[in-house]
């Protein structure tokens, strides 16, 4: 029984590694480069995290709120977006 799980896990890992190698080779062939970060999206992601964390912490009140993580991540993303306000790309 254990041997079956080992074999299936090995095959699954090999397939995942194979897919990753194909993606890397295709990306290198296309030679695509990112045109830079759009910090406006960091701001938007921060808003979603902040609002979601606050709402979830009120919906599921516990002694130690695990949703404070989302609030803190939202604050960090918003700070990153606002600190690079001059690098926001224009809407087309």
Protein backbone atom coordinates (compact mmCIF):
# COMPACT_ATOMS: atom_id res chain seq x y z
CA UNK A 1 0.00 0.00 0.00
CA UNK A 2 2.80 2.41 0.85
CA UNK A 3 4.59 1.68 -2.41
CA UNK A 4 1.57 2.81 -4.40
CA UNK A 5 1.59 6.24 -2.71
CA UNK A 6 5.30 6.59 -3.27
CA UNK A 7 4.93 5.77 -6.95
CA UNK A 8 1.94 8.08 -7.42
CA UNK A 9 3.71 10.91 -5.60
CA UNK A 10 6.82 10.45 -7.72
CA UNK A 11 4.84 10.46 -10.94
CA UNK A 12 2.89 13.55 -9.86
CA UNK A 13 6.10 15.36 -8.92
CA UNK A 14 7.69 14.43 -12.25
CA UNK A 15 4.66 15.75 -14.16
CA UNK A 16 4.70 19.03 -12.21
CA UNK A 17 8.44 19.47 -12.82
CA UNK A 18 7.94 18.67 -16.50
CA UNK A 19 5.20 21.27 -16.85
CA UNK A 20 7.39 23.86 -15.08
CA UNK A 21 10.29 23.13 -17.43
CA UNK A 22 8.02 23.56 -20.46
CA UNK A 23 6.76 26.90 -19.15
CA UNK A 24 10.31 28.12 -18.54
CA UNK A 25 11.43 27.07 -22.01
CA UNK A 26 8.44 28.74 -23.67
CA UNK A 27 9.02 31.94 -21.68
CA UNK A 28 12.68 32.03 -22.66
CA UNK A 29 11.81 31.43 -26.30
CA UNK A 30 9.38 34.33 -26.34
CA UNK A 31 11.82 36.50 -24.40
CA UNK A 32 9.00 38.35 -22.77
CA UNK A 33 9.91 40.86 -20.15
CA UNK A 34 7.68 42.64 -17.72
CA UNK A 35 7.28 46.27 -18.56
CA UNK A 36 7.51 47.20 -14.90
CA UNK A 37 5.25 47.10 -11.91
CA UNK A 38 2.02 49.02 -11.86
CA UNK A 39 1.82 50.15 -8.26
CA UNK A 40 -1.85 51.04 -8.66
CA UNK A 41 -2.61 47.33 -8.41
CA UNK A 42 -0.70 47.10 -5.14
CA UNK A 43 -3.02 49.80 -3.82
CA UNK A 44 -6.11 47.93 -5.06
CA UNK A 45 -4.91 44.64 -3.58
CA UNK A 46 -4.27 46.44 -0.30
CA UNK A 47 -7.81 47.79 -0.23
CA UNK A 48 -9.23 44.31 -0.81
CA UNK A 49 -7.06 42.79 1.93
CA UNK A 50 -7.84 45.59 4.39
CA UNK A 51 -11.60 45.54 3.84
CA UNK A 52 -11.72 41.75 3.78
CA UNK A 53 -9.68 41.46 6.98
CA UNK A 54 -11.84 43.95 8.85
CA UNK A 55 -15.07 42.33 7.70
CA UNK A 56 -13.86 38.81 8.52
CA UNK A 57 -12.64 39.85 11.96
CA UNK A 58 -16.12 41.19 12.76
CA UNK A 59 -17.93 38.18 11.31
CA UNK A 60 -15.78 35.62 13.16
CA UNK A 61 -14.88 37.20 16.50
CA UNK A 62 -12.29 35.19 18.43
CA UNK A 63 -9.90 36.11 21.21
CA UNK A 64 -6.93 36.22 18.87
CA UNK A 65 -8.16 37.32 15.49
CA UNK A 66 -6.39 35.39 12.76
CA UNK A 67 -7.73 37.86 10.24
CA UNK A 68 -5.46 40.62 11.51
CA UNK A 69 -2.92 39.19 9.08
CA UNK A 70 -5.10 40.38 6.20
CA UNK A 71 -5.46 43.82 7.76
CA UNK A 72 -1.70 44.19 8.17
CA UNK A 73 -1.02 42.91 4.65
CA UNK A 74 -3.59 45.38 3.34
CA UNK A 75 -1.85 48.23 5.12
CA UNK A 76 1.50 47.13 3.68
CA UNK A 77 0.14 46.90 0.13
CA UNK A 78 -1.57 50.29 0.42
CA UNK A 79 1.66 51.84 1.72
CA UNK A 80 3.59 50.34 -1.19
CA UNK A 81 1.07 51.69 -3.67
CA UNK A 82 0.92 55.16 -2.18
CA UNK A 83 4.67 55.48 -1.73
CA UNK A 84 5.11 54.88 -5.46
CA UNK A 85 2.25 57.11 -6.53
CA UNK A 86 4.36 58.70 -9.24
CA UNK A 87 4.97 55.27 -10.86
CA UNK A 88 1.28 54.50 -11.36
CA UNK A 89 0.52 53.81 -14.99
CA UNK A 90 -2.12 55.90 -16.71
CA UNK A 91 -5.45 54.30 -17.49
CA UNK A 92 -5.95 53.79 -21.18
